[in-house]
PDB file of N, CA and C in Angstrom:
ATOM      1  N   HIS A   1       0.830  -1.180   0.000  1.00  0.00           N
ATOM      2  CA  HIS A   1       0.000   0.000   0.000  1.00  0.00           C
ATOM      3  C   HIS A   1       0.879   1.250   0.000  1.00  0.00           C
ATOM      4  N   PRO A   2       0.643   2.159  -0.948  1.00  0.00           N
ATOM      5  CA  PRO A   2       1.413   3.410  -0.966  1.00  0.00           C
ATOM      6  C   PRO A   2       1.127   4.232   0.289  1.00  0.00           C
ATOM      7  N   GLU A   3       2.150   4.885   0.800  1.00  0.00           N
ATOM      8  CA  GLU A   3       1.995   5.726   1.978  1.00  0.00           C
ATOM      9  C   GLU A   3       2.004   7.201   1.620  1.00  0.00           C
ATOM     10  N   GLY A   4       2.021   7.518   0.349  1.00  0.00           N
ATOM     11  CA  GLY A   4       2.021   8.905  -0.075  1.00  0.00           C
ATOM     12  C   GLY A   4       2.528   9.009  -1.488  1.00  0.00           C
ATOM     13  N   GLY A   5       2.553  10.206  -1.992  1.00  0.00           N
ATOM     14  CA  GLY A   5       3.045  10.425  -3.345  1.00  0.00           C
ATOM     15  C   GLY A   5       1.968  10.251  -4.397  1.00  0.00           C
ATOM     16  N   LEU A   6       2.394  10.356  -5.640  1.00  0.00           N
ATOM     17  CA  LEU A   6       1.464  10.288  -6.769  1.00  0.00           C
ATOM     18  C   LEU A   6       1.696   9.078  -7.660  1.00  0.00           C
ATOM     19  N   PHE A   7       2.823   8.413  -7.464  1.00  0.00           N
ATOM     20  CA  PHE A   7       3.215   7.337  -8.369  1.00  0.00           C
ATOM     21  C   PHE A   7       3.733   6.140  -7.588  1.00  0.00           C
ATOM     22  N   MET A   8       3.711   5.001  -8.246  1.00  0.00           N
ATOM     23  CA  MET A   8       4.319   3.796  -7.710  1.00  0.00           C
ATOM     24  C   MET A   8       5.300   3.268  -8.747  1.00  0.00           C
ATOM     25  N   TRP A   9       6.497   2.921  -8.317  1.00  0.00           N
ATOM     26  CA  TRP A   9       7.515   2.358  -9.192  1.00  0.00           C
ATOM     27  C   TRP A   9       7.390   0.838  -9.114  1.00  0.00           C
ATOM     28  N   VAL A  10       7.257   0.194 -10.260  1.00  0.00           N
ATOM     29  CA  VAL A  10       7.061  -1.253 -10.318  1.00  0.00           C
ATOM     30  C   VAL A  10       8.248  -1.886 -11.035  1.00  0.00           C
ATOM     31  N   THR A  11       8.822  -2.904 -10.418  1.00  0.00           N
ATOM     32  CA  THR A  11       9.916  -3.648 -11.032  1.00  0.00           C
ATOM     33  C   THR A  11       9.435  -5.067 -11.317  1.00  0.00           C
ATOM     34  N   LEU A  12       9.517  -5.443 -12.570  1.00  0.00           N
ATOM     35  CA  LEU A  12       9.110  -6.760 -13.042  1.00  0.00           C
ATOM     36  C   LEU A  12      10.321  -7.692 -13.049  1.00  0.00           C
ATOM     37  N   PRO A  13      10.107  -8.993 -13.248  1.00  0.00           N
ATOM     38  CA  PRO A  13      11.258  -9.892 -13.411  1.00  0.00           C
ATOM     39  C   PRO A  13      12.155  -9.402 -14.554  1.00  0.00           C
ATOM     40  N   GLU A  14      13.435  -9.668 -14.431  1.00  0.00           N
ATOM     41  CA  GLU A  14      14.442  -9.171 -15.386  1.00  0.00           C
ATOM     42  C   GLU A  14      14.108  -9.469 -16.850  1.00  0.00           C
ATOM     43  N   TYR A  15      13.515 -10.606 -17.129  1.00  0.00           N
ATOM     44  CA  TYR A  15      13.256 -10.996 -18.516  1.00  0.00           C
ATOM     45  C   TYR A  15      12.071 -10.274 -19.152  1.00  0.00           C
ATOM     46  N   MET A  16      11.295  -9.556 -18.362  1.00  0.00           N
ATOM     47  CA  MET A  16      10.106  -8.881 -18.898  1.00  0.00           C
ATOM     48  C   MET A  16      10.465  -7.496 -19.429  1.00  0.00           C
ATOM     49  N   ASN A  17       9.758  -7.079 -20.462  1.00  0.00           N
ATOM     50  CA  ASN A  17       9.987  -5.786 -21.087  1.00  0.00           C
ATOM     51  C   ASN A  17       8.727  -4.942 -20.936  1.00  0.00           C
ATOM     52  N   ALA A  18       8.782  -3.948 -20.070  1.00  0.00           N
ATOM     53  CA  ALA A  18       7.615  -3.115 -19.787  1.00  0.00           C
ATOM     54  C   ALA A  18       7.185  -2.300 -21.001  1.00  0.00           C
ATOM     55  N   THR A  19       8.124  -1.940 -21.849  1.00  0.00           N
ATOM     56  CA  THR A  19       7.774  -1.176 -23.052  1.00  0.00           C
ATOM     57  C   THR A  19       6.945  -2.040 -23.999  1.00  0.00           C
ATOM     58  N   GLU A  20       7.365  -3.264 -24.216  1.00  0.00           N
ATOM     59  CA  GLU A  20       6.612  -4.170 -25.086  1.00  0.00           C
ATOM     60  C   GLU A  20       5.289  -4.580 -24.449  1.00  0.00           C
ATOM     61  N   MET A  21       5.283  -4.795 -23.155  1.00  0.00           N
ATOM     62  CA  MET A  21       4.077  -5.213 -22.457  1.00  0.00           C
ATOM     63  C   MET A  21       3.004  -4.126 -22.473  1.00  0.00           C
ATOM     64  N   MET A  22       3.436  -2.886 -22.586  1.00  0.00           N
ATOM     65  CA  MET A  22       2.494  -1.773 -22.564  1.00  0.00           C
ATOM     66  C   MET A  22       1.470  -1.863 -23.694  1.00  0.00           C
ATOM     67  N   LYS A  23       1.860  -2.420 -24.841  1.00  0.00           N
ATOM     68  CA  LYS A  23       0.926  -2.576 -25.958  1.00  0.00           C
ATOM     69  C   LYS A  23      -0.274  -3.403 -25.540  1.00  0.00           C
ATOM     70  N   LYS A  24      -0.036  -4.502 -24.840  1.00  0.00           N
ATOM     71  CA  LYS A  24      -1.129  -5.349 -24.364  1.00  0.00           C
ATOM     72  C   LYS A  24      -1.959  -4.628 -23.309  1.00  0.00           C
ATOM     73  N   CYS A  25      -1.286  -3.858 -22.467  1.00  0.00           N
ATOM     74  CA  CYS A  25      -2.004  -3.116 -21.437  1.00  0.00           C
ATOM     75  C   CYS A  25      -2.958  -2.097 -22.063  1.00  0.00           C
ATOM     76  N   ILE A  26      -2.483  -1.374 -23.045  1.00  0.00           N
ATOM     77  CA  ILE A  26      -3.330  -0.381 -23.708  1.00  0.00           C
ATOM     78  C   ILE A  26      -4.538  -1.051 -24.355  1.00  0.00           C
ATOM     79  N   GLU A  27      -4.327  -2.229 -24.937  1.00  0.00           N
ATOM     80  CA  GLU A  27      -5.452  -2.982 -25.506  1.00  0.00           C
ATOM     81  C   GLU A  27      -6.482  -3.330 -24.433  1.00  0.00           C
ATOM     82  N   ASN A  28      -6.039  -3.411 -23.172  1.00  0.00           N
ATOM     83  CA  ASN A  28      -6.921  -3.713 -22.044  1.00  0.00           C
ATOM     84  C   ASN A  28      -7.304  -2.460 -21.254  1.00  0.00           C
ATOM     85  N   ASN A  29      -7.106  -1.294 -21.870  1.00  0.00           N
ATOM     86  CA  ASN A  29      -7.511  -0.001 -21.290  1.00  0.00           C
ATOM     87  C   ASN A  29      -6.860   0.313 -19.946  1.00  0.00           C
ATOM     88  N   VAL A  30      -5.567   0.035 -19.867  1.00  0.00           N
ATOM     89  CA  VAL A  30      -4.784   0.433 -18.704  1.00  0.00           C
ATOM     90  C   VAL A  30      -3.404   0.845 -19.217  1.00  0.00           C
ATOM     91  N   ALA A  31      -2.782   1.819 -18.561  1.00  0.00           N
ATOM     92  CA  ALA A  31      -1.497   2.316 -19.073  1.00  0.00           C
ATOM     93  C   ALA A  31      -0.585   2.736 -17.932  1.00  0.00           C
ATOM     94  N   TYR A  32       0.683   2.890 -18.262  1.00  0.00           N
ATOM     95  CA  TYR A  32       1.727   3.334 -17.345  1.00  0.00           C
ATOM     96  C   TYR A  32       2.815   3.967 -18.184  1.00  0.00           C
ATOM     97  N   VAL A  33       3.844   4.479 -17.536  1.00  0.00           N
ATOM     98  CA  VAL A  33       4.987   5.041 -18.260  1.00  0.00           C
ATOM     99  C   VAL A  33       6.162   4.074 -18.100  1.00  0.00           C
ATOM    100  N   PRO A  34       6.674   3.517 -19.198  1.00  0.00           N
ATOM    101  CA  PRO A  34       7.816   2.608 -19.092  1.00  0.00           C
ATOM    102  C   PRO A  34       9.008   3.287 -18.415  1.00  0.00           C
ATOM    103  N   GLY A  35       9.732   2.530 -17.619  1.00  0.00           N
ATOM    104  CA  GLY A  35      10.859   3.064 -16.860  1.00  0.00           C
ATOM    105  C   GLY A  35      11.969   3.647 -17.711  1.00  0.00           C
ATOM    106  N   VAL A  36      12.129   3.164 -18.938  1.00  0.00           N
ATOM    107  CA  VAL A  36      13.212   3.682 -19.786  1.00  0.00           C
ATOM    108  C   VAL A  36      13.051   5.174 -20.038  1.00  0.00           C
ATOM    109  N   ALA A  37      11.838   5.704 -19.914  1.00  0.00           N
ATOM    110  CA  ALA A  37      11.614   7.137 -20.110  1.00  0.00           C
ATOM    111  C   ALA A  37      12.314   7.983 -19.044  1.00  0.00           C
ATOM    112  N   PHE A  38      12.644   7.375 -17.919  1.00  0.00           N
ATOM    113  CA  PHE A  38      13.262   8.095 -16.814  1.00  0.00           C
ATOM    114  C   PHE A  38      14.773   7.900 -16.735  1.00  0.00           C
ATOM    115  N   TYR A  39      15.300   7.032 -17.583  1.00  0.00           N
ATOM    116  CA  TYR A  39      16.721   6.725 -17.582  1.00  0.00           C
ATOM    117  C   TYR A  39      17.260   6.712 -19.005  1.00  0.00           C
ATOM    118  N   PRO A  40      17.565   7.869 -19.574  1.00  0.00           N
ATOM    119  CA  PRO A  40      18.115   7.877 -20.937  1.00  0.00           C
ATOM    120  C   PRO A  40      19.332   6.969 -21.047  1.00  0.00           C
ATOM    121  N   GLY A  41      19.338   6.139 -22.067  1.00  0.00           N
ATOM    122  CA  GLY A  41      20.452   5.247 -22.302  1.00  0.00           C
ATOM    123  C   GLY A  41      20.438   3.985 -21.454  1.00  0.00           C
ATOM    124  N   ARG A  42      19.460   3.841 -20.616  1.00  0.00           N
ATOM    125  CA  ARG A  42      19.385   2.676 -19.739  1.00  0.00           C
ATOM    126  C   ARG A  42      19.015   1.443 -20.549  1.00  0.00           C
ATOM    127  N   THR A  43      19.626   0.346 -20.241  1.00  0.00           N
ATOM    128  CA  THR A  43      19.358  -0.882 -20.984  1.00  0.00           C
ATOM    129  C   THR A  43      18.306  -1.763 -20.315  1.00  0.00           C
ATOM    130  N   LYS A  44      18.016  -1.529 -19.048  1.00  0.00           N
ATOM    131  CA  LYS A  44      16.998  -2.331 -18.371  1.00  0.00           C
ATOM    132  C   LYS A  44      15.611  -1.857 -18.788  1.00  0.00           C
ATOM    133  N   THR A  45      14.740  -2.810 -19.053  1.00  0.00           N
ATOM    134  CA  THR A  45      13.400  -2.469 -19.529  1.00  0.00           C
ATOM    135  C   THR A  45      12.309  -3.099 -18.672  1.00  0.00           C
ATOM    136  N   ASN A  46      12.661  -3.561 -17.494  1.00  0.00           N
ATOM    137  CA  ASN A  46      11.703  -4.320 -16.695  1.00  0.00           C
ATOM    138  C   ASN A  46      11.013  -3.515 -15.589  1.00  0.00           C
ATOM    139  N   ASN A  47      10.843  -2.219 -15.781  1.00  0.00           N
ATOM    140  CA  ASN A  47      10.144  -1.439 -14.765  1.00  0.00           C
ATOM    141  C   ASN A  47       9.263  -0.369 -15.394  1.00  0.00           C
ATOM    142  N   PHE A  48       8.349   0.160 -14.573  1.00  0.00           N
ATOM    143  CA  PHE A  48       7.458   1.223 -15.046  1.00  0.00           C
ATOM    144  C   PHE A  48       6.949   2.043 -13.867  1.00  0.00           C
ATOM    145  N   ARG A  49       6.451   3.232 -14.198  1.00  0.00           N
ATOM    146  CA  ARG A  49       5.878   4.126 -13.194  1.00  0.00           C
ATOM    147  C   ARG A  49       4.366   4.146 -13.378  1.00  0.00           C
ATOM    148  N   LEU A  50       3.671   3.906 -12.306  1.00  0.00           N
ATOM    149  CA  LEU A  50       2.218   3.814 -12.317  1.00  0.00           C
ATOM    150  C   LEU A  50       1.642   4.987 -11.538  1.00  0.00           C
ATOM    151  N   ASN A  51       0.755   5.738 -12.169  1.00  0.00           N
ATOM    152  CA  ASN A  51       0.118   6.877 -11.526  1.00  0.00           C
ATOM    153  C   ASN A  51      -1.237   6.445 -10.977  1.00  0.00           C
ATOM    154  N   TYR A  52      -1.502   6.806  -9.739  1.00  0.00           N
ATOM    155  CA  TYR A  52      -2.803   6.477  -9.139  1.00  0.00           C
ATOM    156  C   TYR A  52      -3.460   7.709  -8.513  1.00  0.00           C
ATOM    157  N   SER A  53      -3.009   8.886  -8.890  1.00  0.00           N
ATOM    158  CA  SER A  53      -3.459  10.100  -8.212  1.00  0.00           C
ATOM    159  C   SER A  53      -4.754  10.699  -8.753  1.00  0.00           C
ATOM    160  N   ASN A  54      -5.179  10.298  -9.932  1.00  0.00           N
ATOM    161  CA  ASN A  54      -6.335  10.994 -10.513  1.00  0.00           C
ATOM    162  C   ASN A  54      -7.527  10.076 -10.774  1.00  0.00           C
ATOM    163  N   MET A  55      -7.584   8.933 -10.110  1.00  0.00           N
ATOM    164  CA  MET A  55      -8.691   8.009 -10.290  1.00  0.00           C
ATOM    165  C   MET A  55      -9.323   7.696  -8.940  1.00  0.00           C
ATOM    166  N   ASP A  56     -10.632   7.403  -8.972  1.00  0.00           N
ATOM    167  CA  ASP A  56     -11.260   6.984  -7.722  1.00  0.00           C
ATOM    168  C   ASP A  56     -10.885   5.527  -7.443  1.00  0.00           C
ATOM    169  N   GLU A  57     -11.119   5.083  -6.243  1.00  0.00           N
ATOM    170  CA  GLU A  57     -10.648   3.770  -5.809  1.00  0.00           C
ATOM    171  C   GLU A  57     -11.187   2.625  -6.674  1.00  0.00           C
ATOM    172  N   ASP A  58     -12.454   2.694  -7.069  1.00  0.00           N
ATOM    173  CA  ASP A  58     -13.031   1.630  -7.897  1.00  0.00           C
ATOM    174  C   ASP A  58     -12.295   1.494  -9.220  1.00  0.00           C
ATOM    175  N   ARG A  59     -11.938   2.609  -9.831  1.00  0.00           N
ATOM    176  CA  ARG A  59     -11.216   2.561 -11.113  1.00  0.00           C
ATOM    177  C   ARG A  59      -9.785   2.079 -10.918  1.00  0.00           C
ATOM    178  N   ILE A  60      -9.176   2.418  -9.800  1.00  0.00           N
ATOM    179  CA  ILE A  60      -7.828   1.926  -9.510  1.00  0.00           C
ATOM    180  C   ILE A  60      -7.860   0.406  -9.364  1.00  0.00           C
ATOM    181  N   VAL A  61      -8.815  -0.109  -8.620  1.00  0.00           N
ATOM    182  CA  VAL A  61      -8.933  -1.553  -8.425  1.00  0.00           C
ATOM    183  C   VAL A  61      -9.124  -2.250  -9.768  1.00  0.00           C
ATOM    184  N   GLU A  62      -9.984  -1.730 -10.612  1.00  0.00           N
ATOM    185  CA  GLU A  62     -10.213  -2.323 -11.931  1.00  0.00           C
ATOM    186  C   GLU A  62      -8.949  -2.258 -12.779  1.00  0.00           C
ATOM    187  N   GLY A  63      -8.248  -1.135 -12.743  1.00  0.00           N
ATOM    188  CA  GLY A  63      -7.014  -0.995 -13.507  1.00  0.00           C
ATOM    189  C   GLY A  63      -5.948  -1.982 -13.061  1.00  0.00           C
ATOM    190  N   ILE A  64      -5.832  -2.188 -11.759  1.00  0.00           N
ATOM    191  CA  ILE A  64      -4.849  -3.141 -11.241  1.00  0.00           C
ATOM    192  C   ILE A  64      -5.214  -4.558 -11.661  1.00  0.00           C
ATOM    193  N   LYS A  65      -6.489  -4.885 -11.686  1.00  0.00           N
ATOM    194  CA  LYS A  65      -6.910  -6.208 -12.159  1.00  0.00           C
ATOM    195  C   LYS A  65      -6.504  -6.409 -13.619  1.00  0.00           C
ATOM    196  N   ARG A  66      -6.728  -5.401 -14.437  1.00  0.00           N
ATOM    197  CA  ARG A  66      -6.358  -5.490 -15.853  1.00  0.00           C
ATOM    198  C   ARG A  66      -4.850  -5.601 -16.020  1.00  0.00           C
ATOM    199  N   LEU A  67      -4.114  -4.792 -15.272  1.00  0.00           N
ATOM    200  CA  LEU A  67      -2.656  -4.835 -15.322  1.00  0.00           C
ATOM    201  C   LEU A  67      -2.141  -6.196 -14.863  1.00  0.00           C
ATOM    202  N   ALA A  68      -2.704  -6.709 -13.788  1.00  0.00           N
ATOM    203  CA  ALA A  68      -2.287  -8.013 -13.263  1.00  0.00           C
ATOM    204  C   ALA A  68      -2.528  -9.121 -14.283  1.00  0.00           C
ATOM    205  N   ALA A  69      -3.628  -9.059 -14.996  1.00  0.00           N
ATOM    206  CA  ALA A  69      -3.927 -10.080 -16.009  1.00  0.00           C
ATOM    207  C   ALA A  69      -2.867 -10.085 -17.114  1.00  0.00           C
ATOM    208  N   VAL A  70      -2.445  -8.889 -17.541  1.00  0.00           N
ATOM    209  CA  VAL A  70      -1.410  -8.805 -18.571  1.00  0.00           C
ATOM    210  C   VAL A  70      -0.083  -9.321 -18.024  1.00  0.00           C
ATOM    211  N   ILE A  71       0.272  -8.907 -16.814  1.00  0.00           N
ATOM    212  CA  ILE A  71       1.534  -9.368 -16.227  1.00  0.00           C
ATOM    213  C   ILE A  71       1.539 -10.890 -16.105  1.00  0.00           C
ATOM    214  N   LYS A  72       0.441 -11.461 -15.617  1.00  0.00           N
ATOM    215  CA  LYS A  72       0.356 -12.919 -15.485  1.00  0.00           C
ATOM    216  C   LYS A  72       0.529 -13.615 -16.828  1.00  0.00           C
ATOM    217  N   SER A  73      -0.010 -13.014 -17.881  1.00  0.00           N
ATOM    218  CA  SER A  73       0.112 -13.636 -19.201  1.00  0.00           C
ATOM    219  C   SER A  73       1.544 -13.591 -19.719  1.00  0.00           C
ATOM    220  N   GLU A  74       2.367 -12.702 -19.179  1.00  0.00           N
ATOM    221  CA  GLU A  74       3.759 -12.557 -19.614  1.00  0.00           C
ATOM    222  C   GLU A  74       4.746 -13.347 -18.756  1.00  0.00           C
ATOM    223  N   LEU A  75       4.301 -13.825 -17.614  1.00  0.00           N
ATOM    224  CA  LEU A  75       5.195 -14.576 -16.725  1.00  0.00           C
ATOM    225  C   LEU A  75       5.580 -15.920 -17.347  1.00  0.00           C
ATOM    226  N   ARG A  76       6.803 -16.345 -17.078  1.00  0.00           N
ATOM    227  CA  ARG A  76       7.278 -17.666 -17.549  1.00  0.00           C
ATOM    228  C   ARG A  76       6.980 -18.707 -16.506  1.00  0.00           C
TER     229      ARG A  76
END
């Protein structure tokens, strides 16, 4: 549970690519900002920043369910 702030930083398993996974997320009406946007030249692609500051709790819960479904489909 976040204790403050506007964003949550998510780190996926090393083999996952948050930039590529985002395409599936958008198809499921949920989005985030891939971590590579915050680290120019960075080679790691397994993280993203998730904003939860502008949605009511019901929409956040639904978004997390959609995000979780995509992540589960990408797990080995």
